[in-house]
């Protein structure tokens, strides 16, 4: 199965979806957004990585920034912060360059490494797009965290690929239905820039329809 270009979802939405399905729906379906300290910090971290005029060559490594990627089989498109092309005995062919190159995506993130797999899933989705575009296999990538100022190497496993496929199927289904899921409040809601738009604590309240039906029945 292949998606049409008009059906493509934003690759970056995978990280939102893995963090909170409702957050993803508010941003990508309802087109709502709000800034807070964390979102501004994230934009500053990405500013240099997304400079399209910064292309480097360091020995046998070519570095590309702000690289557009897409996948017709996954139905997503987006931008890779940094993609490194390491000259190797196996890998992908690059137009205008001799030899073969191993592809190594690097995603920039604010803060420190997270306990969840949200960031790793986004990196995996980038790798899967690059594999489809370049007709190669990517075994590893990295997450760079601004707080620690270091890279965390991540193996692109088959389990991660399957998780990405499963998530995207659910994302496409919700997007087609234009459905925004309800969620239960948790401590992570305090860090969400959409907290005042989402009002997660209201999710604990009974639905108005159910309340009315119960009152009619009682009478």
C-alpha atoms as a PDB file:
ATOM      1  CA  UNK A   1       0.000   0.000   0.000  1.00  0.00           C
ATOM      2  CA  UNK A   2       1.171   3.506  -0.853  1.00  0.00           C
ATOM      3  CA  UNK A   3      -0.265   6.825   0.325  1.00  0.00           C
ATOM      4  CA  UNK A   4      -0.913   9.751  -1.980  1.00  0.00           C
ATOM      5  CA  UNK A   5       1.066  12.913  -1.299  1.00  0.00           C
ATOM      6  CA  UNK A   6      -2.046  14.743  -0.079  1.00  0.00           C
ATOM      7  CA  UNK A   7      -2.464  12.013   2.563  1.00  0.00           C
ATOM      8  CA  UNK A   8       1.011  12.477   4.031  1.00  0.00           C
ATOM      9  CA  UNK A   9       1.201  13.302   7.748  1.00  0.00           C
ATOM     10  CA  UNK A  10       4.013  15.245   9.412  1.00  0.00           C
ATOM     11  CA  UNK A  11       6.878  12.994  10.447  1.00  0.00           C
ATOM     12  CA  UNK A  12       7.469  15.081  13.575  1.00  0.00           C
ATOM     13  CA  UNK A  13       3.947  14.175  14.702  1.00  0.00           C
ATOM     14  CA  UNK A  14       5.164  10.717  15.723  1.00  0.00           C
ATOM     15  CA  UNK A  15       6.955  12.246  18.706  1.00  0.00           C
ATOM     16  CA  UNK A  16       3.802  14.150  19.685  1.00  0.00           C
ATOM     17  CA  UNK A  17       1.659  11.033  19.251  1.00  0.00           C
ATOM     18  CA  UNK A  18       3.969   8.847  21.331  1.00  0.00           C
ATOM     19  CA  UNK A  19       3.928  11.483  24.102  1.00  0.00           C
ATOM     20  CA  UNK A  20       0.154  12.028  24.006  1.00  0.00           C
ATOM     21  CA  UNK A  21      -2.422  11.133  21.359  1.00  0.00           C
ATOM     22  CA  UNK A  22      -4.584  14.087  22.337  1.00  0.00           C
ATOM     23  CA  UNK A  23      -1.671  16.525  22.018  1.00  0.00           C
ATOM     24  CA  UNK A  24      -0.996  15.203  18.516  1.00  0.00           C
ATOM     25  CA  UNK A  25      -4.658  15.560  17.513  1.00  0.00           C
ATOM     26  CA  UNK A  26      -4.918  19.100  18.874  1.00  0.00           C
ATOM     27  CA  UNK A  27      -1.866  20.144  16.855  1.00  0.00           C
ATOM     28  CA  UNK A  28      -2.280  18.161  13.651  1.00  0.00           C
ATOM     29  CA  UNK A  29      -6.064  17.790  13.346  1.00  0.00           C
ATOM     30  CA  UNK A  30      -7.439  20.849  15.129  1.00  0.00           C
ATOM     31  CA  UNK A  31      -4.446  23.058  14.183  1.00  0.00           C
ATOM     32  CA  UNK A  32      -4.005  24.389  17.722  1.00  0.00           C
ATOM     33  CA  UNK A  33      -0.663  25.417  19.154  1.00  0.00           C
ATOM     34  CA  UNK A  34       0.744  27.371  22.105  1.00  0.00           C
ATOM     35  CA  UNK A  35       4.289  28.361  23.017  1.00  0.00           C
ATOM     36  CA  UNK A  36       5.929  27.839  26.366  1.00  0.00           C
ATOM     37  CA  UNK A  37       9.509  27.919  27.617  1.00  0.00           C
ATOM     38  CA  UNK A  38      10.188  24.382  26.423  1.00  0.00           C
ATOM     39  CA  UNK A  39       8.915  24.924  22.872  1.00  0.00           C
ATOM     40  CA  UNK A  40      10.980  28.118  22.497  1.00  0.00           C
ATOM     41  CA  UNK A  41      14.051  26.305  23.794  1.00  0.00           C
ATOM     42  CA  UNK A  42      13.455  23.544  21.265  1.00  0.00           C
ATOM     43  CA  UNK A  43      13.271  26.046  18.402  1.00  0.00           C
ATOM     44  CA  UNK A  44      16.609  27.560  19.414  1.00  0.00           C
ATOM     45  CA  UNK A  45      18.241  24.117  19.563  1.00  0.00           C
ATOM     46  CA  UNK A  46      17.027  23.338  16.033  1.00  0.00           C
ATOM     47  CA  UNK A  47      17.962  26.742  14.556  1.00  0.00           C
ATOM     48  CA  UNK A  48      21.545  25.891  13.670  1.00  0.00           C
ATOM     49  CA  UNK A  49      20.788  22.299  12.679  1.00  0.00           C
ATOM     50  CA  UNK A  50      18.128  23.575  10.246  1.00  0.00           C
ATOM     51  CA  UNK A  51      20.374  26.077   8.478  1.00  0.00           C
ATOM     52  CA  UNK A  52      20.147  24.850   4.856  1.00  0.00           C
ATOM     53  CA  UNK A  53      23.344  26.686   3.917  1.00  0.00           C
ATOM     54  CA  UNK A  54      25.502  24.725   6.348  1.00  0.00           C
ATOM     55  CA  UNK A  55      26.869  21.759   4.445  1.00  0.00           C
ATOM     56  CA  UNK A  56      30.110  20.251   5.565  1.00  0.00           C
ATOM     57  CA  UNK A  57      32.674  17.684   4.575  1.00  0.00           C
ATOM     58  CA  UNK A  58      34.872  16.206   7.259  1.00  0.00           C
ATOM     59  CA  UNK A  59      37.244  13.697   5.787  1.00  0.00           C
ATOM     60  CA  UNK A  60      35.141  10.814   4.482  1.00  0.00           C
ATOM     61  CA  UNK A  61      31.954  12.184   6.059  1.00  0.00           C
ATOM     62  CA  UNK A  62      29.484  14.446   4.249  1.00  0.00           C
ATOM     63  CA  UNK A  63      27.036  16.352   6.467  1.00  0.00           C
ATOM     64  CA  UNK A  64      23.674  17.607   5.195  1.00  0.00           C
ATOM     65  CA  UNK A  65      21.318  19.793   7.246  1.00  0.00           C
ATOM     66  CA  UNK A  66      17.607  20.452   6.901  1.00  0.00           C
ATOM     67  CA  UNK A  67      17.160  17.472   4.575  1.00  0.00           C
ATOM     68  CA  UNK A  68      13.572  16.867   3.349  1.00  0.00           C
ATOM     69  CA  UNK A  69      12.464  13.223   3.527  1.00  0.00           C
ATOM     70  CA  UNK A  70       9.296  11.267   2.842  1.00  0.00           C
ATOM     71  CA  UNK A  71       7.865   7.762   2.645  1.00  0.00           C
ATOM     72  CA  UNK A  72       4.985   6.711   0.417  1.00  0.00           C
ATOM     73  CA  UNK A  73       4.555   3.412   2.259  1.00  0.00           C
ATOM     74  CA  UNK A  74       4.326   5.132   5.659  1.00  0.00           C
ATOM     75  CA  UNK A  75       2.499   8.210   4.406  1.00  0.00           C
ATOM     76  CA  UNK A  76       4.727  10.806   6.074  1.00  0.00           C
ATOM     77  CA  UNK A  77       7.072  13.647   5.150  1.00  0.00           C
ATOM     78  CA  UNK A  78       9.323  15.926   7.140  1.00  0.00           C
ATOM     79  CA  UNK A  79      12.790  17.315   7.737  1.00  0.00           C
ATOM     80  CA  UNK A  80      15.871  15.623   9.160  1.00  0.00           C
ATOM     81  CA  UNK A  81      17.958  17.919  11.366  1.00  0.00           C
ATOM     82  CA  UNK A  82      21.257  16.383  10.266  1.00  0.00           C
ATOM     83  CA  UNK A  83      22.104  13.437   8.037  1.00  0.00           C
ATOM     84  CA  UNK A  84      25.673  12.199   7.848  1.00  0.00           C
ATOM     85  CA  UNK A  85      26.926  10.201   4.891  1.00  0.00           C
ATOM     86  CA  UNK A  86      29.924   8.060   5.865  1.00  0.00           C
ATOM     87  CA  UNK A  87      32.018   6.690   3.017  1.00  0.00           C
ATOM     88  CA  UNK A  88      31.935   2.912   3.235  1.00  0.00           C
ATOM     89  CA  UNK A  89      32.393  -0.322   1.308  1.00  0.00           C
ATOM     90  CA  UNK A  90      28.622  -0.766   1.317  1.00  0.00           C
ATOM     91  CA  UNK A  91      25.629   1.497   1.428  1.00  0.00           C
ATOM     92  CA  UNK A  92      23.905   4.031  -0.816  1.00  0.00           C
ATOM     93  CA  UNK A  93      25.011   5.815  -3.962  1.00  0.00           C
ATOM     94  CA  UNK A  94      25.111   9.632  -3.743  1.00  0.00           C
ATOM     95  CA  UNK A  95      24.663  11.703  -6.880  1.00  0.00           C
ATOM     96  CA  UNK A  96      27.881  13.511  -7.732  1.00  0.00           C
ATOM     97  CA  UNK A  97      30.059  11.423  -5.414  1.00  0.00           C
ATOM     98  CA  UNK A  98      32.077   8.301  -6.041  1.00  0.00           C
ATOM     99  CA  UNK A  99      31.746   5.216  -3.920  1.00  0.00           C
ATOM    100  CA  UNK A 100      29.134   4.153  -1.401  1.00  0.00           C
ATOM    101  CA  UNK A 101      27.956   5.789   1.826  1.00  0.00           C
ATOM    102  CA  UNK A 102      26.395   4.608   5.067  1.00  0.00           C
ATOM    103  CA  UNK A 103      23.588   6.959   6.124  1.00  0.00           C
ATOM    104  CA  UNK A 104      23.472   8.182   9.718  1.00  0.00           C
ATOM    105  CA  UNK A 105      20.567  10.458  10.797  1.00  0.00           C
ATOM    106  CA  UNK A 106      20.986  12.728  13.839  1.00  0.00           C
ATOM    107  CA  UNK A 107      17.967  14.302  15.546  1.00  0.00           C
ATOM    108  CA  UNK A 108      18.463  17.331  17.814  1.00  0.00           C
ATOM    109  CA  UNK A 109      16.450  17.554  21.040  1.00  0.00           C
ATOM    110  CA  UNK A 110      16.264  20.016  23.914  1.00  0.00           C
ATOM    111  CA  UNK A 111      16.721  18.858  27.470  1.00  0.00           C
ATOM    112  CA  UNK A 112      18.053  15.458  28.467  1.00  0.00           C
ATOM    113  CA  UNK A 113      17.327  11.894  27.300  1.00  0.00           C
ATOM    114  CA  UNK A 114      13.765  10.783  28.065  1.00  0.00           C
ATOM    115  CA  UNK A 115      12.505   7.606  29.658  1.00  0.00           C
ATOM    116  CA  UNK A 116       9.957   7.129  26.878  1.00  0.00           C
ATOM    117  CA  UNK A 117      10.714   6.006  23.315  1.00  0.00           C
ATOM    118  CA  UNK A 118       9.122   9.103  21.729  1.00  0.00           C
ATOM    119  CA  UNK A 119      12.400  10.574  20.456  1.00  0.00           C
ATOM    120  CA  UNK A 120      13.765   7.206  19.316  1.00  0.00           C
ATOM    121  CA  UNK A 121      10.569   6.504  17.355  1.00  0.00           C
ATOM    122  CA  UNK A 122      10.920   9.824  15.529  1.00  0.00           C
ATOM    123  CA  UNK A 123      14.535   8.986  14.675  1.00  0.00           C
ATOM    124  CA  UNK A 124      13.456   5.534  13.476  1.00  0.00           C
ATOM    125  CA  UNK A 125      10.805   7.083  11.204  1.00  0.00           C
ATOM    126  CA  UNK A 126      13.470   9.343   9.689  1.00  0.00           C
ATOM    127  CA  UNK A 127      15.688   6.340   9.056  1.00  0.00           C
ATOM    128  CA  UNK A 128      12.818   4.453   7.408  1.00  0.00           C
ATOM    129  CA  UNK A 129      12.148   7.393   5.083  1.00  0.00           C
ATOM    130  CA  UNK A 130      15.818   7.603   4.137  1.00  0.00           C
ATOM    131  CA  UNK A 131      15.942   3.855   3.508  1.00  0.00           C
ATOM    132  CA  UNK A 132      13.003   4.044   1.137  1.00  0.00           C
ATOM    133  CA  UNK A 133      14.389   7.088  -0.689  1.00  0.00           C
ATOM    134  CA  UNK A 134      17.984   5.874  -0.933  1.00  0.00           C
ATOM    135  CA  UNK A 135      17.249   2.138  -1.333  1.00  0.00           C
ATOM    136  CA  UNK A 136      19.574   1.145   1.478  1.00  0.00           C
ATOM    137  CA  UNK A 137      19.557  -0.112   5.073  1.00  0.00           C
ATOM    138  CA  UNK A 138      20.209   2.096   8.094  1.00  0.00           C
ATOM    139  CA  UNK A 139      21.272   0.265  11.216  1.00  0.00           C
ATOM    140  CA  UNK A 140      21.999   3.188  13.530  1.00  0.00           C
ATOM    141  CA  UNK A 141      21.365   6.868  14.185  1.00  0.00           C
ATOM    142  CA  UNK A 142      21.772   9.308  17.060  1.00  0.00           C
ATOM    143  CA  UNK A 143      19.869  11.712  19.286  1.00  0.00           C
ATOM    144  CA  UNK A 144      21.707  14.878  20.333  1.00  0.00           C
ATOM    145  CA  UNK A 145      20.491  16.471  23.580  1.00  0.00           C
ATOM    146  CA  UNK A 146      21.180  20.150  24.267  1.00  0.00           C
ATOM    147  CA  UNK A 147      21.304  19.719  28.043  1.00  0.00           C
ATOM    148  CA  UNK A 148      23.978  17.031  28.014  1.00  0.00           C
ATOM    149  CA  UNK A 149      25.630  18.306  24.806  1.00  0.00           C
ATOM    150  CA  UNK A 150      26.306  14.791  23.653  1.00  0.00           C
ATOM    151  CA  UNK A 151      24.977  12.226  21.223  1.00  0.00           C
ATOM    152  CA  UNK A 152      23.165   9.098  22.251  1.00  0.00           C
ATOM    153  CA  UNK A 153      23.670   6.381  19.632  1.00  0.00           C
ATOM    154  CA  UNK A 154      20.535   4.383  18.898  1.00  0.00           C
ATOM    155  CA  UNK A 155      20.204   1.064  17.088  1.00  0.00           C
ATOM    156  CA  UNK A 156      17.378   1.062  14.531  1.00  0.00           C
ATOM    157  CA  UNK A 157      15.823  -2.285  15.426  1.00  0.00           C
ATOM    158  CA  UNK A 158      12.988  -4.194  13.783  1.00  0.00           C
ATOM    159  CA  UNK A 159      10.920  -3.789  16.950  1.00  0.00           C
ATOM    160  CA  UNK A 160      11.223  -0.003  16.627  1.00  0.00           C
ATOM    161  CA  UNK A 161      10.252  -0.182  12.956  1.00  0.00           C
ATOM    162  CA  UNK A 162       7.162  -2.217  13.810  1.00  0.00           C
ATOM    163  CA  UNK A 163       6.211   0.303  16.497  1.00  0.00           C
ATOM    164  CA  UNK A 164       6.495   3.139  13.972  1.00  0.00           C
ATOM    165  CA  UNK A 165       4.294   1.284  11.477  1.00  0.00           C
ATOM    166  CA  UNK A 166       1.667   0.581  14.156  1.00  0.00           C
ATOM    167  CA  UNK A 167       1.639   4.185  15.366  1.00  0.00           C
ATOM    168  CA  UNK A 168       1.301   5.565  11.859  1.00  0.00           C
ATOM    169  CA  UNK A 169      -1.631   3.303  11.071  1.00  0.00           C
ATOM    170  CA  UNK A 170      -3.416   4.693  14.128  1.00  0.00           C
ATOM    171  CA  UNK A 171      -2.434   8.267  13.244  1.00  0.00           C
ATOM    172  CA  UNK A 172      -3.807   7.929   9.706  1.00  0.00           C
ATOM    173  CA  UNK A 173      -7.019   6.384  11.043  1.00  0.00           C
ATOM    174  CA  UNK A 174      -7.617   9.202  13.545  1.00  0.00           C
ATOM    175  CA  UNK A 175      -6.729  11.839  10.958  1.00  0.00           C
ATOM    176  CA  UNK A 176      -9.216  10.428   8.437  1.00  0.00           C
ATOM    177  CA  UNK A 177     -11.917  10.436  11.123  1.00  0.00           C
ATOM    178  CA  UNK A 178     -10.880  13.908  12.361  1.00  0.00           C
ATOM    179  CA  UNK A 179     -11.157  12.468  15.858  1.00  0.00           C
ATOM    180  CA  UNK A 180      -9.432  13.978  18.906  1.00  0.00           C
ATOM    181  CA  UNK A 181      -9.005  11.352  21.657  1.00  0.00           C
ATOM    182  CA  UNK A 182      -9.733  12.083  25.296  1.00  0.00           C
ATOM    183  CA  UNK A 183      -6.989  11.502  27.864  1.00  0.00           C
ATOM    184  CA  UNK A 184      -6.587  11.162  31.613  1.00  0.00           C
ATOM    185  CA  UNK A 185      -4.583  13.824  33.413  1.00  0.00           C
ATOM    186  CA  UNK A 186      -1.036  12.879  34.429  1.00  0.00           C
ATOM    187  CA  UNK A 187       2.045  14.683  35.744  1.00  0.00           C
ATOM    188  CA  UNK A 188       3.390  14.976  32.198  1.00  0.00           C
ATOM    189  CA  UNK A 189       0.479  17.327  31.407  1.00  0.00           C
ATOM    190  CA  UNK A 190       2.223  20.034  33.457  1.00  0.00           C
ATOM    191  CA  UNK A 191       5.024  20.224  30.876  1.00  0.00           C
ATOM    192  CA  UNK A 192       2.707  20.397  27.847  1.00  0.00           C
ATOM    193  CA  UNK A 193       2.393  23.740  26.052  1.00  0.00           C
ATOM    194  CA  UNK A 194      -1.228  22.852  25.195  1.00  0.00           C
ATOM    195  CA  UNK A 195      -2.303  22.286  28.796  1.00  0.00           C
ATOM    196  CA  UNK A 196      -4.592  25.348  28.873  1.00  0.00           C
ATOM    197  CA  UNK A 197      -6.149  24.390  25.530  1.00  0.00           C
ATOM    198  CA  UNK A 198      -6.472  20.705  26.308  1.00  0.00           C
ATOM    199  CA  UNK A 199      -7.860  21.044  29.865  1.00  0.00           C
ATOM    200  CA  UNK A 200      -7.055  17.379  30.631  1.00  0.00           C
ATOM    201  CA  UNK A 201      -8.602  17.476  34.105  1.00  0.00           C
ATOM    202  CA  UNK A 202     -11.998  17.928  32.483  1.00  0.00           C
ATOM    203  CA  UNK A 203     -11.568  14.426  31.059  1.00  0.00           C
ATOM    204  CA  UNK A 204     -12.419  13.120  34.527  1.00  0.00           C
ATOM    205  CA  UNK A 205     -15.810  14.812  34.422  1.00  0.00           C
ATOM    206  CA  UNK A 206     -18.834  12.845  33.178  1.00  0.00           C
ATOM    207  CA  UNK A 207     -20.105  13.633  29.691  1.00  0.00           C
ATOM    208  CA  UNK A 208     -23.040  16.029  29.474  1.00  0.00           C
ATOM    209  CA  UNK A 209     -25.000  13.590  27.296  1.00  0.00           C
ATOM    210  CA  UNK A 210     -24.628  10.835  29.875  1.00  0.00           C
ATOM    211  CA  UNK A 211     -25.627  13.183  32.695  1.00  0.00           C
ATOM    212  CA  UNK A 212     -28.823  14.228  30.899  1.00  0.00           C
ATOM    213  CA  UNK A 213     -29.748  10.627  30.111  1.00  0.00           C
ATOM    214  CA  UNK A 214     -29.298   9.599  33.737  1.00  0.00           C
ATOM    215  CA  UNK A 215     -31.505  12.487  34.925  1.00  0.00           C
ATOM    216  CA  UNK A 216     -34.262  11.539  32.456  1.00  0.00           C
ATOM    217  CA  UNK A 217     -34.113   7.928  33.624  1.00  0.00           C
ATOM    218  CA  UNK A 218     -34.295   8.923  37.276  1.00  0.00           C
ATOM    219  CA  UNK A 219     -37.392  11.027  36.629  1.00  0.00           C
END
